[in-house]
Amino acid sequence: MEKQLKKALAIGSFAVLFGASSAMAQPVAAMPNEEGKTFAAEAMKSGDWSSAEEDLMGNGESVFAKLNLASVYAQTGRTDKAVALYQEIINGDENPYAVLLNGKPRRVKNIAKFALAQLSTN
């Protein structure tokens, strides 16, 4: 697992899970990669959901953008769209590592599953 995590770091597929006011929608902000993309990390941390959504809509097929966009949808009451994106991540081929706020590595699919479960219980 450590080798895979180092590989993820080397190619920029690395994210940090920030705590949010709501456990059901924990924004994931990808660390800047070689292209300098932050996937709306600052807007999400400040609760500027409109700016975050606008930024994320332009990030195409990035799994981190999808994860963050799903979180924006959940935070803004668009549960159906959040669920659809979380399902897309879970069913997709990509599953890079993310590092939780507590420093523990997790796969993005596991983060999506957790967020989806939280949405289902609310």
PDB file of N, CA and C in Angstrom:
ATOM      1  N   MET A   1       0.826  -1.187   0.000  1.00  0.00           N
ATOM      2  CA  MET A   1       0.000   0.000   0.000  1.00  0.00           C
ATOM      3  C   MET A   1       0.868   1.247   0.000  1.00  0.00           C
ATOM      4  N   GLU A   2       1.973   1.243   0.746  1.00  0.00           N
ATOM      5  CA  GLU A   2       2.846   2.410   0.804  1.00  0.00           C
ATOM      6  C   GLU A   2       3.411   2.727  -0.571  1.00  0.00           C
ATOM      7  N   LYS A   3       3.771   1.699  -1.346  1.00  0.00           N
ATOM      8  CA  LYS A   3       4.290   1.899  -2.695  1.00  0.00           C
ATOM      9  C   LYS A   3       3.245   2.570  -3.578  1.00  0.00           C
ATOM     10  N   GLN A   4       1.981   2.127  -3.475  1.00  0.00           N
ATOM     11  CA  GLN A   4       0.900   2.720  -4.265  1.00  0.00           C
ATOM     12  C   GLN A   4       0.658   4.164  -3.848  1.00  0.00           C
ATOM     13  N   LEU A   5       0.749   4.453  -2.562  1.00  0.00           N
ATOM     14  CA  LEU A   5       0.549   5.816  -2.082  1.00  0.00           C
ATOM     15  C   LEU A   5       1.647   6.727  -2.597  1.00  0.00           C
ATOM     16  N   LYS A   6       2.899   6.247  -2.580  1.00  0.00           N
ATOM     17  CA  LYS A   6       4.004   7.048  -3.110  1.00  0.00           C
ATOM     18  C   LYS A   6       3.814   7.308  -4.598  1.00  0.00           C
ATOM     19  N   LYS A   7       3.338   6.297  -5.327  1.00  0.00           N
ATOM     20  CA  LYS A   7       3.079   6.465  -6.756  1.00  0.00           C
ATOM     21  C   LYS A   7       1.989   7.508  -6.977  1.00  0.00           C
ATOM     22  N   ALA A   8       0.942   7.476  -6.155  1.00  0.00           N
ATOM     23  CA  ALA A   8      -0.135   8.450  -6.277  1.00  0.00           C
ATOM     24  C   ALA A   8       0.398   9.854  -6.032  1.00  0.00           C
ATOM     25  N   LEU A   9       1.257  10.006  -5.055  1.00  0.00           N
ATOM     26  CA  LEU A   9       1.851  11.309  -4.776  1.00  0.00           C
ATOM     27  C   LEU A   9       2.676  11.794  -5.952  1.00  0.00           C
ATOM     28  N   ALA A  10       3.410  10.890  -6.544  1.00  0.00           N
ATOM     29  CA  ALA A  10       4.292  11.260  -7.635  1.00  0.00           C
ATOM     30  C   ALA A  10       3.536  11.757  -8.861  1.00  0.00           C
ATOM     31  N   ILE A  11       2.352  11.231  -9.099  1.00  0.00           N
ATOM     32  CA  ILE A  11       1.606  11.635 -10.294  1.00  0.00           C
ATOM     33  C   ILE A  11       0.528  12.670  -9.999  1.00  0.00           C
ATOM     34  N   GLY A  12       0.427  13.084  -8.755  1.00  0.00           N
ATOM     35  CA  GLY A  12      -0.519  14.140  -8.428  1.00  0.00           C
ATOM     36  C   GLY A  12      -1.922  13.664  -8.118  1.00  0.00           C
ATOM     37  N   SER A  13      -2.153  12.379  -8.034  1.00  0.00           N
ATOM     38  CA  SER A  13      -3.478  11.863  -7.701  1.00  0.00           C
ATOM     39  C   SER A  13      -3.570  11.693  -6.190  1.00  0.00           C
ATOM     40  N   PHE A  14      -3.700  12.792  -5.490  1.00  0.00           N
ATOM     41  CA  PHE A  14      -3.625  12.815  -4.042  1.00  0.00           C
ATOM     42  C   PHE A  14      -4.620  13.847  -3.550  1.00  0.00           C
ATOM     43  N   ALA A  15      -5.384  13.503  -2.554  1.00  0.00           N
ATOM     44  CA  ALA A  15      -6.376  14.445  -2.060  1.00  0.00           C
ATOM     45  C   ALA A  15      -6.360  14.451  -0.547  1.00  0.00           C
ATOM     46  N   VAL A  16      -6.907  15.499   0.015  1.00  0.00           N
ATOM     47  CA  VAL A  16      -7.042  15.613   1.455  1.00  0.00           C
ATOM     48  C   VAL A  16      -8.514  15.792   1.764  1.00  0.00           C
ATOM     49  N   LEU A  17      -9.022  15.042   2.717  1.00  0.00           N
ATOM     50  CA  LEU A  17     -10.411  15.159   3.123  1.00  0.00           C
ATOM     51  C   LEU A  17     -10.493  16.160   4.261  1.00  0.00           C
ATOM     52  N   PHE A  18     -11.206  17.255   4.046  1.00  0.00           N
ATOM     53  CA  PHE A  18     -11.376  18.271   5.064  1.00  0.00           C
ATOM     54  C   PHE A  18     -12.657  18.007   5.830  1.00  0.00           C
ATOM     55  N   GLY A  19     -12.656  18.225   7.115  1.00  0.00           N
ATOM     56  CA  GLY A  19     -13.868  18.094   7.906  1.00  0.00           C
ATOM     57  C   GLY A  19     -14.855  19.170   7.491  1.00  0.00           C
ATOM     58  N   ALA A  20     -16.109  18.854   7.504  1.00  0.00           N
ATOM     59  CA  ALA A  20     -17.138  19.815   7.141  1.00  0.00           C
ATOM     60  C   ALA A  20     -18.134  19.912   8.279  1.00  0.00           C
ATOM     61  N   SER A  21     -18.957  20.926   8.222  1.00  0.00           N
ATOM     62  CA  SER A  21     -19.951  21.093   9.271  1.00  0.00           C
ATOM     63  C   SER A  21     -20.964  19.958   9.257  1.00  0.00           C
ATOM     64  N   SER A  22     -21.150  19.351   8.123  1.00  0.00           N
ATOM     65  CA  SER A  22     -22.094  18.245   7.995  1.00  0.00           C
ATOM     66  C   SER A  22     -21.330  16.968   7.679  1.00  0.00           C
ATOM     67  N   ALA A  23     -21.534  15.943   8.466  1.00  0.00           N
ATOM     68  CA  ALA A  23     -20.839  14.681   8.215  1.00  0.00           C
ATOM     69  C   ALA A  23     -21.295  14.035   6.921  1.00  0.00           C
ATOM     70  N   MET A  24     -22.474  14.408   6.435  1.00  0.00           N
ATOM     71  CA  MET A  24     -22.986  13.754   5.241  1.00  0.00           C
ATOM     72  C   MET A  24     -22.289  14.199   3.968  1.00  0.00           C
ATOM     73  N   ALA A  25     -21.646  15.342   3.977  1.00  0.00           N
ATOM     74  CA  ALA A  25     -21.022  15.838   2.759  1.00  0.00           C
ATOM     75  C   ALA A  25     -19.673  16.431   3.110  1.00  0.00           C
ATOM     76  N   GLN A  26     -18.664  15.602   3.086  1.00  0.00           N
ATOM     77  CA  GLN A  26     -17.332  16.042   3.455  1.00  0.00           C
ATOM     78  C   GLN A  26     -16.567  16.411   2.201  1.00  0.00           C
ATOM     79  N   PRO A  27     -16.273  17.699   2.008  1.00  0.00           N
ATOM     80  CA  PRO A  27     -15.586  18.097   0.782  1.00  0.00           C
ATOM     81  C   PRO A  27     -14.184  17.511   0.706  1.00  0.00           C
ATOM     82  N   VAL A  28     -13.821  17.059  -0.437  1.00  0.00           N
ATOM     83  CA  VAL A  28     -12.478  16.558  -0.693  1.00  0.00           C
ATOM     84  C   VAL A  28     -11.808  17.572  -1.590  1.00  0.00           C
ATOM     85  N   ALA A  29     -10.683  18.051  -1.163  1.00  0.00           N
ATOM     86  CA  ALA A  29      -9.973  19.039  -1.963  1.00  0.00           C
ATOM     87  C   ALA A  29      -8.656  18.441  -2.425  1.00  0.00           C
ATOM     88  N   ALA A  30      -8.530  18.277  -3.722  1.00  0.00           N
ATOM     89  CA  ALA A  30      -7.304  17.703  -4.257  1.00  0.00           C
ATOM     90  C   ALA A  30      -6.168  18.689  -4.100  1.00  0.00           C
ATOM     91  N   MET A  31      -5.040  18.181  -3.699  1.00  0.00           N
ATOM     92  CA  MET A  31      -3.848  19.009  -3.593  1.00  0.00           C
ATOM     93  C   MET A  31      -3.476  19.459  -5.005  1.00  0.00           C
ATOM     94  N   PRO A  32      -2.870  20.635  -5.143  1.00  0.00           N
ATOM     95  CA  PRO A  32      -2.468  21.081  -6.483  1.00  0.00           C
ATOM     96  C   PRO A  32      -1.548  20.054  -7.136  1.00  0.00           C
ATOM     97  N   ASN A  33      -1.829  19.748  -8.377  1.00  0.00           N
ATOM     98  CA  ASN A  33      -0.954  18.815  -9.096  1.00  0.00           C
ATOM     99  C   ASN A  33      -0.027  19.628  -9.988  1.00  0.00           C
ATOM    100  N   GLU A  34       0.638  18.956 -10.901  1.00  0.00           N
ATOM    101  CA  GLU A  34       1.599  19.658 -11.749  1.00  0.00           C
ATOM    102  C   GLU A  34       0.951  20.748 -12.595  1.00  0.00           C
ATOM    103  N   GLU A  35      -0.346  20.703 -12.779  1.00  0.00           N
ATOM    104  CA  GLU A  35      -1.056  21.733 -13.537  1.00  0.00           C
ATOM    105  C   GLU A  35      -1.597  22.824 -12.627  1.00  0.00           C
ATOM    106  N   GLY A  36      -1.406  22.688 -11.332  1.00  0.00           N
ATOM    107  CA  GLY A  36      -1.853  23.705 -10.387  1.00  0.00           C
ATOM    108  C   GLY A  36      -3.330  23.653 -10.064  1.00  0.00           C
ATOM    109  N   LYS A  37      -4.021  22.584 -10.422  1.00  0.00           N
ATOM    110  CA  LYS A  37      -5.450  22.481 -10.140  1.00  0.00           C
ATOM    111  C   LYS A  37      -5.675  22.178  -8.663  1.00  0.00           C
ATOM    112  N   THR A  38      -6.613  22.871  -8.067  1.00  0.00           N
ATOM    113  CA  THR A  38      -6.953  22.610  -6.666  1.00  0.00           C
ATOM    114  C   THR A  38      -8.370  22.083  -6.526  1.00  0.00           C
ATOM    115  N   PHE A  39      -9.083  21.967  -7.612  1.00  0.00           N
ATOM    116  CA  PHE A  39     -10.430  21.415  -7.616  1.00  0.00           C
ATOM    117  C   PHE A  39     -11.329  22.113  -6.597  1.00  0.00           C
ATOM    118  N   ALA A  40     -11.276  23.450  -6.602  1.00  0.00           N
ATOM    119  CA  ALA A  40     -12.160  24.305  -5.803  1.00  0.00           C
ATOM    120  C   ALA A  40     -11.954  24.175  -4.299  1.00  0.00           C
ATOM    121  N   ALA A  41     -10.766  23.793  -3.889  1.00  0.00           N
ATOM    122  CA  ALA A  41     -10.497  23.570  -2.465  1.00  0.00           C
ATOM    123  C   ALA A  41     -10.803  24.798  -1.621  1.00  0.00           C
ATOM    124  N   GLU A  42     -10.313  25.944  -2.019  1.00  0.00           N
ATOM    125  CA  GLU A  42     -10.502  27.159  -1.216  1.00  0.00           C
ATOM    126  C   GLU A  42     -11.967  27.569  -1.152  1.00  0.00           C
ATOM    127  N   ALA A  43     -12.651  27.512  -2.271  1.00  0.00           N
ATOM    128  CA  ALA A  43     -14.074  27.874  -2.287  1.00  0.00           C
ATOM    129  C   ALA A  43     -14.871  26.929  -1.399  1.00  0.00           C
ATOM    130  N   MET A  44     -14.533  25.661  -1.416  1.00  0.00           N
ATOM    131  CA  MET A  44     -15.252  24.685  -0.601  1.00  0.00           C
ATOM    132  C   MET A  44     -14.969  24.899   0.880  1.00  0.00           C
ATOM    133  N   LYS A  45     -13.717  25.171   1.215  1.00  0.00           N
ATOM    134  CA  LYS A  45     -13.377  25.396   2.615  1.00  0.00           C
ATOM    135  C   LYS A  45     -14.092  26.621   3.172  1.00  0.00           C
ATOM    136  N   SER A  46     -14.310  27.626   2.318  1.00  0.00           N
ATOM    137  CA  SER A  46     -14.978  28.843   2.778  1.00  0.00           C
ATOM    138  C   SER A  46     -16.495  28.773   2.639  1.00  0.00           C
ATOM    139  N   GLY A  47     -17.018  27.672   2.079  1.00  0.00           N
ATOM    140  CA  GLY A  47     -18.464  27.533   1.920  1.00  0.00           C
ATOM    141  C   GLY A  47     -19.030  28.292   0.741  1.00  0.00           C
ATOM    142  N   ASP A  48     -18.181  28.688  -0.196  1.00  0.00           N
ATOM    143  CA  ASP A  48     -18.629  29.393  -1.396  1.00  0.00           C
ATOM    144  C   ASP A  48     -19.007  28.347  -2.449  1.00  0.00           C
ATOM    145  N   TRP A  49     -20.170  27.745  -2.240  1.00  0.00           N
ATOM    146  CA  TRP A  49     -20.592  26.614  -3.063  1.00  0.00           C
ATOM    147  C   TRP A  49     -20.803  26.993  -4.518  1.00  0.00           C
ATOM    148  N   SER A  50     -21.275  28.201  -4.779  1.00  0.00           N
ATOM    149  CA  SER A  50     -21.501  28.641  -6.152  1.00  0.00           C
ATOM    150  C   SER A  50     -20.187  28.714  -6.931  1.00  0.00           C
ATOM    151  N   SER A  51     -19.177  29.322  -6.340  1.00  0.00           N
ATOM    152  CA  SER A  51     -17.865  29.406  -7.006  1.00  0.00           C
ATOM    153  C   SER A  51     -17.242  28.026  -7.163  1.00  0.00           C
ATOM    154  N   ALA A  52     -17.393  27.206  -6.134  1.00  0.00           N
ATOM    155  CA  ALA A  52     -16.850  25.850  -6.202  1.00  0.00           C
ATOM    156  C   ALA A  52     -17.480  25.078  -7.347  1.00  0.00           C
ATOM    157  N   GLU A  53     -18.785  25.162  -7.455  1.00  0.00           N
ATOM    158  CA  GLU A  53     -19.482  24.437  -8.523  1.00  0.00           C
ATOM    159  C   GLU A  53     -19.032  24.917  -9.899  1.00  0.00           C
ATOM    160  N   GLU A  54     -18.919  26.224 -10.052  1.00  0.00           N
ATOM    161  CA  GLU A  54     -18.494  26.778 -11.334  1.00  0.00           C
ATOM    162  C   GLU A  54     -17.096  26.271 -11.708  1.00  0.00           C
ATOM    163  N   ASP A  55     -16.190  26.262 -10.749  1.00  0.00           N
ATOM    164  CA  ASP A  55     -14.831  25.785 -10.995  1.00  0.00           C
ATOM    165  C   ASP A  55     -14.818  24.296 -11.334  1.00  0.00           C
ATOM    166  N   LEU A  56     -15.573  23.519 -10.598  1.00  0.00           N
ATOM    167  CA  LEU A  56     -15.579  22.073 -10.777  1.00  0.00           C
ATOM    168  C   LEU A  56     -16.218  21.643 -12.093  1.00  0.00           C
ATOM    169  N   MET A  57     -17.189  22.403 -12.563  1.00  0.00           N
ATOM    170  CA  MET A  57     -17.855  22.055 -13.823  1.00  0.00           C
ATOM    171  C   MET A  57     -16.871  22.105 -14.990  1.00  0.00           C
ATOM    172  N   GLY A  58     -15.799  22.858 -14.851  1.00  0.00           N
ATOM    173  CA  GLY A  58     -14.805  22.967 -15.917  1.00  0.00           C
ATOM    174  C   GLY A  58     -13.662  21.978 -15.793  1.00  0.00           C
ATOM    175  N   ASN A  59     -13.748  21.039 -14.871  1.00  0.00           N
ATOM    176  CA  ASN A  59     -12.657  20.098 -14.654  1.00  0.00           C
ATOM    177  C   ASN A  59     -12.912  18.723 -15.255  1.00  0.00           C
ATOM    178  N   GLY A  60     -13.859  18.634 -16.134  1.00  0.00           N
ATOM    179  CA  GLY A  60     -14.074  17.420 -16.904  1.00  0.00           C
ATOM    180  C   GLY A  60     -14.242  16.143 -16.121  1.00  0.00           C
ATOM    181  N   GLU A  61     -13.435  15.167 -16.453  1.00  0.00           N
ATOM    182  CA  GLU A  61     -13.604  13.813 -15.944  1.00  0.00           C
ATOM    183  C   GLU A  61     -12.733  13.479 -14.732  1.00  0.00           C
ATOM    184  N   SER A  62     -12.139  14.455 -14.104  1.00  0.00           N
ATOM    185  CA  SER A  62     -11.304  14.185 -12.942  1.00  0.00           C
ATOM    186  C   SER A  62     -12.133  13.563 -11.826  1.00  0.00           C
ATOM    187  N   VAL A  63     -11.638  12.461 -11.260  1.00  0.00           N
ATOM    188  CA  VAL A  63     -12.353  11.806 -10.171  1.00  0.00           C
ATOM    189  C   VAL A  63     -12.428  12.730  -8.956  1.00  0.00           C
ATOM    190  N   PHE A  64     -11.404  13.566  -8.752  1.00  0.00           N
ATOM    191  CA  PHE A  64     -11.425  14.489  -7.627  1.00  0.00           C
ATOM    192  C   PHE A  64     -12.455  15.593  -7.845  1.00  0.00           C
ATOM    193  N   ALA A  65     -12.578  16.065  -9.081  1.00  0.00           N
ATOM    194  CA  ALA A  65     -13.594  17.068  -9.392  1.00  0.00           C
ATOM    195  C   ALA A  65     -14.991  16.476  -9.179  1.00  0.00           C
ATOM    196  N   LYS A  66     -15.184  15.240  -9.598  1.00  0.00           N
ATOM    197  CA  LYS A  66     -16.481  14.588  -9.400  1.00  0.00           C
ATOM    198  C   LYS A  66     -16.800  14.440  -7.917  1.00  0.00           C
ATOM    199  N   LEU A  67     -15.807  14.048  -7.139  1.00  0.00           N
ATOM    200  CA  LEU A  67     -16.007  13.872  -5.706  1.00  0.00           C
ATOM    201  C   LEU A  67     -16.363  15.199  -5.044  1.00  0.00           C
ATOM    202  N   ASN A  68     -15.649  16.247  -5.424  1.00  0.00           N
ATOM    203  CA  ASN A  68     -15.941  17.567  -4.864  1.00  0.00           C
ATOM    204  C   ASN A  68     -17.291  18.097  -5.338  1.00  0.00           C
ATOM    205  N   LEU A  69     -17.611  17.874  -6.606  1.00  0.00           N
ATOM    206  CA  LEU A  69     -18.895  18.336  -7.124  1.00  0.00           C
ATOM    207  C   LEU A  69     -20.048  17.611  -6.432  1.00  0.00           C
ATOM    208  N   ALA A  70     -19.882  16.327  -6.188  1.00  0.00           N
ATOM    209  CA  ALA A  70     -20.907  15.587  -5.449  1.00  0.00           C
ATOM    210  C   ALA A  70     -21.092  16.187  -4.060  1.00  0.00           C
ATOM    211  N   SER A  71     -20.007  16.573  -3.438  1.00  0.00           N
ATOM    212  CA  SER A  71     -20.085  17.204  -2.123  1.00  0.00           C
ATOM    213  C   SER A  71     -20.810  18.546  -2.195  1.00  0.00           C
ATOM    214  N   VAL A  72     -20.518  19.328  -3.227  1.00  0.00           N
ATOM    215  CA  VAL A  72     -21.220  20.606  -3.419  1.00  0.00           C
ATOM    216  C   VAL A  72     -22.717  20.355  -3.577  1.00  0.00           C
ATOM    217  N   TYR A  73     -23.063  19.372  -4.388  1.00  0.00           N
ATOM    218  CA  TYR A  73     -24.479  19.044  -4.575  1.00  0.00           C
ATOM    219  C   TYR A  73     -25.127  18.651  -3.248  1.00  0.00           C
ATOM    220  N   ALA A  74     -24.439  17.838  -2.466  1.00  0.00           N
ATOM    221  CA  ALA A  74     -24.990  17.419  -1.175  1.00  0.00           C
ATOM    222  C   ALA A  74     -25.142  18.615  -0.237  1.00  0.00           C
ATOM    223  N   GLN A  75     -24.161  19.479  -0.220  1.00  0.00           N
ATOM    224  CA  GLN A  75     -24.204  20.656   0.666  1.00  0.00           C
ATOM    225  C   GLN A  75     -25.317  21.621   0.281  1.00  0.00           C
ATOM    226  N   THR A  76     -25.695  21.619  -0.977  1.00  0.00           N
ATOM    227  CA  THR A  76     -26.701  22.569  -1.461  1.00  0.00           C
ATOM    228  C   THR A  76     -28.062  21.922  -1.703  1.00  0.00           C
ATOM    229  N   GLY A  77     -28.264  20.750  -1.130  1.00  0.00           N
ATOM    230  CA  GLY A  77     -29.582  20.130  -1.167  1.00  0.00           C
ATOM    231  C   GLY A  77     -29.944  19.392  -2.437  1.00  0.00           C
ATOM    232  N   ARG A  78     -28.995  19.173  -3.315  1.00  0.00           N
ATOM    233  CA  ARG A  78     -29.263  18.447  -4.560  1.00  0.00           C
ATOM    234  C   ARG A  78     -28.794  16.996  -4.418  1.00  0.00           C
ATOM    235  N   THR A  79     -29.476  16.310  -3.523  1.00  0.00           N
ATOM    236  CA  THR A  79     -29.096  14.954  -3.147  1.00  0.00           C
ATOM    237  C   THR A  79     -29.092  13.998  -4.330  1.00  0.00           C
ATOM    238  N   ASP A  80     -30.063  14.092  -5.215  1.00  0.00           N
ATOM    239  CA  ASP A  80     -30.126  13.181  -6.366  1.00  0.00           C
ATOM    240  C   ASP A  80     -28.875  13.292  -7.233  1.00  0.00           C
ATOM    241  N   LYS A  81     -28.417  14.519  -7.467  1.00  0.00           N
ATOM    242  CA  LYS A  81     -27.205  14.709  -8.267  1.00  0.00           C
ATOM    243  C   LYS A  81     -25.976  14.205  -7.523  1.00  0.00           C
ATOM    244  N   ALA A  82     -25.928  14.425  -6.208  1.00  0.00           N
ATOM    245  CA  ALA A  82     -24.806  13.941  -5.404  1.00  0.00           C
ATOM    246  C   ALA A  82     -24.743  12.416  -5.462  1.00  0.00           C
ATOM    247  N   VAL A  83     -25.871  11.772  -5.268  1.00  0.00           N
ATOM    248  CA  VAL A  83     -25.938  10.308  -5.302  1.00  0.00           C
ATOM    249  C   VAL A  83     -25.464   9.789  -6.657  1.00  0.00           C
ATOM    250  N   ALA A  84     -25.905  10.417  -7.731  1.00  0.00           N
ATOM    251  CA  ALA A  84     -25.514   9.975  -9.074  1.00  0.00           C
ATOM    252  C   ALA A  84     -24.000  10.061  -9.269  1.00  0.00           C
ATOM    253  N   LEU A  85     -23.392  11.143  -8.812  1.00  0.00           N
ATOM    254  CA  LEU A  85     -21.940  11.274  -8.959  1.00  0.00           C
ATOM    255  C   LEU A  85     -21.192  10.290  -8.068  1.00  0.00           C
ATOM    256  N   TYR A  86     -21.642  10.121  -6.842  1.00  0.00           N
ATOM    257  CA  TYR A  86     -20.995   9.141  -5.966  1.00  0.00           C
ATOM    258  C   TYR A  86     -21.078   7.742  -6.588  1.00  0.00           C
ATOM    259  N   GLN A  87     -22.237   7.393  -7.155  1.00  0.00           N
ATOM    260  CA  GLN A  87     -22.393   6.090  -7.819  1.00  0.00           C
ATOM    261  C   GLN A  87     -21.451   5.973  -9.015  1.00  0.00           C
ATOM    262  N   GLU A  88     -21.311   7.053  -9.771  1.00  0.00           N
ATOM    263  CA  GLU A  88     -20.415   7.054 -10.930  1.00  0.00           C
ATOM    264  C   GLU A  88     -18.968   6.793 -10.485  1.00  0.00           C
ATOM    265  N   ILE A  89     -18.560   7.406  -9.383  1.00  0.00           N
ATOM    266  CA  ILE A  89     -17.214   7.192  -8.853  1.00  0.00           C
ATOM    267  C   ILE A  89     -17.052   5.739  -8.411  1.00  0.00           C
ATOM    268  N   ILE A  90     -18.032   5.233  -7.688  1.00  0.00           N
ATOM    269  CA  ILE A  90     -17.980   3.858  -7.183  1.00  0.00           C
ATOM    270  C   ILE A  90     -17.918   2.853  -8.337  1.00  0.00           C
ATOM    271  N   ASN A  91     -18.652   3.114  -9.396  1.00  0.00           N
ATOM    272  CA  ASN A  91     -18.705   2.197 -10.537  1.00  0.00           C
ATOM    273  C   ASN A  91     -17.591   2.418 -11.553  1.00  0.00           C
ATOM    274  N   GLY A  92     -16.825   3.493 -11.402  1.00  0.00           N
ATOM    275  CA  GLY A  92     -15.769   3.824 -12.358  1.00  0.00           C
ATOM    276  C   GLY A  92     -14.513   2.993 -12.175  1.00  0.00           C
ATOM    277  N   ASP A  93     -13.576   3.187 -13.079  1.00  0.00           N
ATOM    278  CA  ASP A  93     -12.314   2.447 -13.050  1.00  0.00           C
ATOM    279  C   ASP A  93     -11.282   3.079 -12.123  1.00  0.00           C
ATOM    280  N   GLU A  94     -11.304   4.405 -11.991  1.00  0.00           N
ATOM    281  CA  GLU A  94     -10.302   5.097 -11.175  1.00  0.00           C
ATOM    282  C   GLU A  94     -10.567   4.912  -9.693  1.00  0.00           C
ATOM    283  N   ASN A  95      -9.496   4.721  -8.944  1.00  0.00           N
ATOM    284  CA  ASN A  95      -9.613   4.607  -7.494  1.00  0.00           C
ATOM    285  C   ASN A  95      -8.301   5.035  -6.817  1.00  0.00           C
ATOM    286  N   PRO A  96      -7.844   6.275  -7.082  1.00  0.00           N
ATOM    287  CA  PRO A  96      -6.594   6.730  -6.474  1.00  0.00           C
ATOM    288  C   PRO A  96      -6.753   6.953  -4.979  1.00  0.00           C
ATOM    289  N   TYR A  97      -5.636   7.057  -4.311  1.00  0.00           N
ATOM    290  CA  TYR A  97      -5.657   7.315  -2.873  1.00  0.00           C
ATOM    291  C   TYR A  97      -5.984   8.764  -2.571  1.00  0.00           C
ATOM    292  N   ALA A  98      -6.613   8.932  -1.433  1.00  0.00           N
ATOM    293  CA  ALA A  98      -6.815  10.243  -0.825  1.00  0.00           C
ATOM    294  C   ALA A  98      -6.348  10.093   0.612  1.00  0.00           C
ATOM    295  N   VAL A  99      -5.976  11.175   1.227  1.00  0.00           N
ATOM    296  CA  VAL A  99      -5.560  11.134   2.623  1.00  0.00           C
ATOM    297  C   VAL A  99      -6.573  11.918   3.434  1.00  0.00           C
ATOM    298  N   LEU A 100      -7.124  11.263   4.438  1.00  0.00           N
ATOM    299  CA  LEU A 100      -8.111  11.900   5.295  1.00  0.00           C
ATOM    300  C   LEU A 100      -7.442  12.932   6.190  1.00  0.00           C
ATOM    301  N   LEU A 101      -8.236  13.789   6.765  1.00  0.00           N
ATOM    302  CA  LEU A 101      -7.726  14.826   7.651  1.00  0.00           C
ATOM    303  C   LEU A 101      -6.893  14.225   8.781  1.00  0.00           C
ATOM    304  N   ASN A 102      -7.248  13.023   9.211  1.00  0.00           N
ATOM    305  CA  ASN A 102      -6.498  12.367  10.288  1.00  0.00           C
ATOM    306  C   ASN A 102      -5.205  11.716   9.794  1.00  0.00           C
ATOM    307  N   GLY A 103      -4.901  11.875   8.507  1.00  0.00           N
ATOM    308  CA  GLY A 103      -3.658  11.355   7.943  1.00  0.00           C
ATOM    309  C   GLY A 103      -3.742   9.949   7.395  1.00  0.00           C
ATOM    310  N   LYS A 104      -4.893   9.306   7.515  1.00  0.00           N
ATOM    311  CA  LYS A 104      -5.043   7.935   7.023  1.00  0.00           C
ATOM    312  C   LYS A 104      -5.395   7.935   5.543  1.00  0.00           C
ATOM    313  N   PRO A 105      -4.713   7.110   4.747  1.00  0.00           N
ATOM    314  CA  PRO A 105      -5.035   7.041   3.324  1.00  0.00           C
ATOM    315  C   PRO A 105      -6.321   6.253   3.081  1.00  0.00           C
ATOM    316  N   ARG A 106      -7.091   6.705   2.138  1.00  0.00           N
ATOM    317  CA  ARG A 106      -8.321   6.022   1.717  1.00  0.00           C
ATOM    318  C   ARG A 106      -8.436   6.134   0.203  1.00  0.00           C
ATOM    319  N   ARG A 107      -9.042   5.163  -0.388  1.00  0.00           N
ATOM    320  CA  ARG A 107      -9.342   5.210  -1.820  1.00  0.00           C
ATOM    321  C   ARG A 107     -10.565   6.096  -2.037  1.00  0.00           C
ATOM    322  N   VAL A 108     -10.605   6.760  -3.198  1.00  0.00           N
ATOM    323  CA  VAL A 108     -11.730   7.652  -3.459  1.00  0.00           C
ATOM    324  C   VAL A 108     -13.057   6.901  -3.481  1.00  0.00           C
ATOM    325  N   LYS A 109     -13.035   5.648  -3.912  1.00  0.00           N
ATOM    326  CA  LYS A 109     -14.277   4.869  -3.909  1.00  0.00           C
ATOM    327  C   LYS A 109     -14.785   4.671  -2.485  1.00  0.00           C
ATOM    328  N   ASN A 110     -13.879   4.471  -1.547  1.00  0.00           N
ATOM    329  CA  ASN A 110     -14.295   4.327  -0.153  1.00  0.00           C
ATOM    330  C   ASN A 110     -14.869   5.626   0.387  1.00  0.00           C
ATOM    331  N   ILE A 111     -14.284   6.739  -0.001  1.00  0.00           N
ATOM    332  CA  ILE A 111     -14.814   8.039   0.417  1.00  0.00           C
ATOM    333  C   ILE A 111     -16.213   8.232  -0.160  1.00  0.00           C
ATOM    334  N   ALA A 112     -16.376   7.896  -1.441  1.00  0.00           N
ATOM    335  CA  ALA A 112     -17.683   8.029  -2.085  1.00  0.00           C
ATOM    336  C   ALA A 112     -18.716   7.115  -1.425  1.00  0.00           C
ATOM    337  N   LYS A 113     -18.318   5.895  -1.089  1.00  0.00           N
ATOM    338  CA  LYS A 113     -19.241   4.972  -0.419  1.00  0.00           C
ATOM    339  C   LYS A 113     -19.671   5.510   0.934  1.00  0.00           C
ATOM    340  N   PHE A 114     -18.723   6.055   1.676  1.00  0.00           N
ATOM    341  CA  PHE A 114     -19.036   6.626   2.993  1.00  0.00           C
ATOM    342  C   PHE A 114     -20.004   7.808   2.846  1.00  0.00           C
ATOM    343  N   ALA A 115     -19.691   8.709   1.915  1.00  0.00           N
ATOM    344  CA  ALA A 115     -20.560   9.872   1.704  1.00  0.00           C
ATOM    345  C   ALA A 115     -21.948   9.448   1.253  1.00  0.00           C
ATOM    346  N   LEU A 116     -22.027   8.452   0.395  1.00  0.00           N
ATOM    347  CA  LEU A 116     -23.308   7.941  -0.074  1.00  0.00           C
ATOM    348  C   LEU A 116     -24.107   7.337   1.085  1.00  0.00           C
ATOM    349  N   ALA A 117     -23.447   6.602   1.943  1.00  0.00           N
ATOM    350  CA  ALA A 117     -24.113   6.029   3.105  1.00  0.00           C
ATOM    351  C   ALA A 117     -24.632   7.132   4.027  1.00  0.00           C
ATOM    352  N   GLN A 118     -23.859   8.202   4.182  1.00  0.00           N
ATOM    353  CA  GLN A 118     -24.292   9.316   5.023  1.00  0.00           C
ATOM    354  C   GLN A 118     -25.513  10.006   4.435  1.00  0.00           C
ATOM    355  N   LEU A 119     -25.532  10.139   3.115  1.00  0.00           N
ATOM    356  CA  LEU A 119     -26.705  10.731   2.452  1.00  0.00           C
ATOM    357  C   LEU A 119     -27.936   9.861   2.642  1.00  0.00           C
ATOM    358  N   SER A 120     -27.751   8.555   2.615  1.00  0.00           N
ATOM    359  CA  SER A 120     -28.860   7.610   2.729  1.00  0.00           C
ATOM    360  C   SER A 120     -29.473   7.600   4.126  1.00  0.00           C
ATOM    361  N   THR A 121     -28.686   7.965   5.131  1.00  0.00           N
ATOM    362  CA  THR A 121     -29.190   7.938   6.508  1.00  0.00           C
ATOM    363  C   THR A 121     -29.857   9.248   6.903  1.00  0.00           C
ATOM    364  N   ASN A 122     -29.751  10.249   6.069  1.00  0.00           N
ATOM    365  CA  ASN A 122     -30.373  11.558   6.401  1.00  0.00           C
ATOM    366  C   ASN A 122     -31.672  11.773   5.685  1.00  0.00           C
TER     367      ASN A 122
END
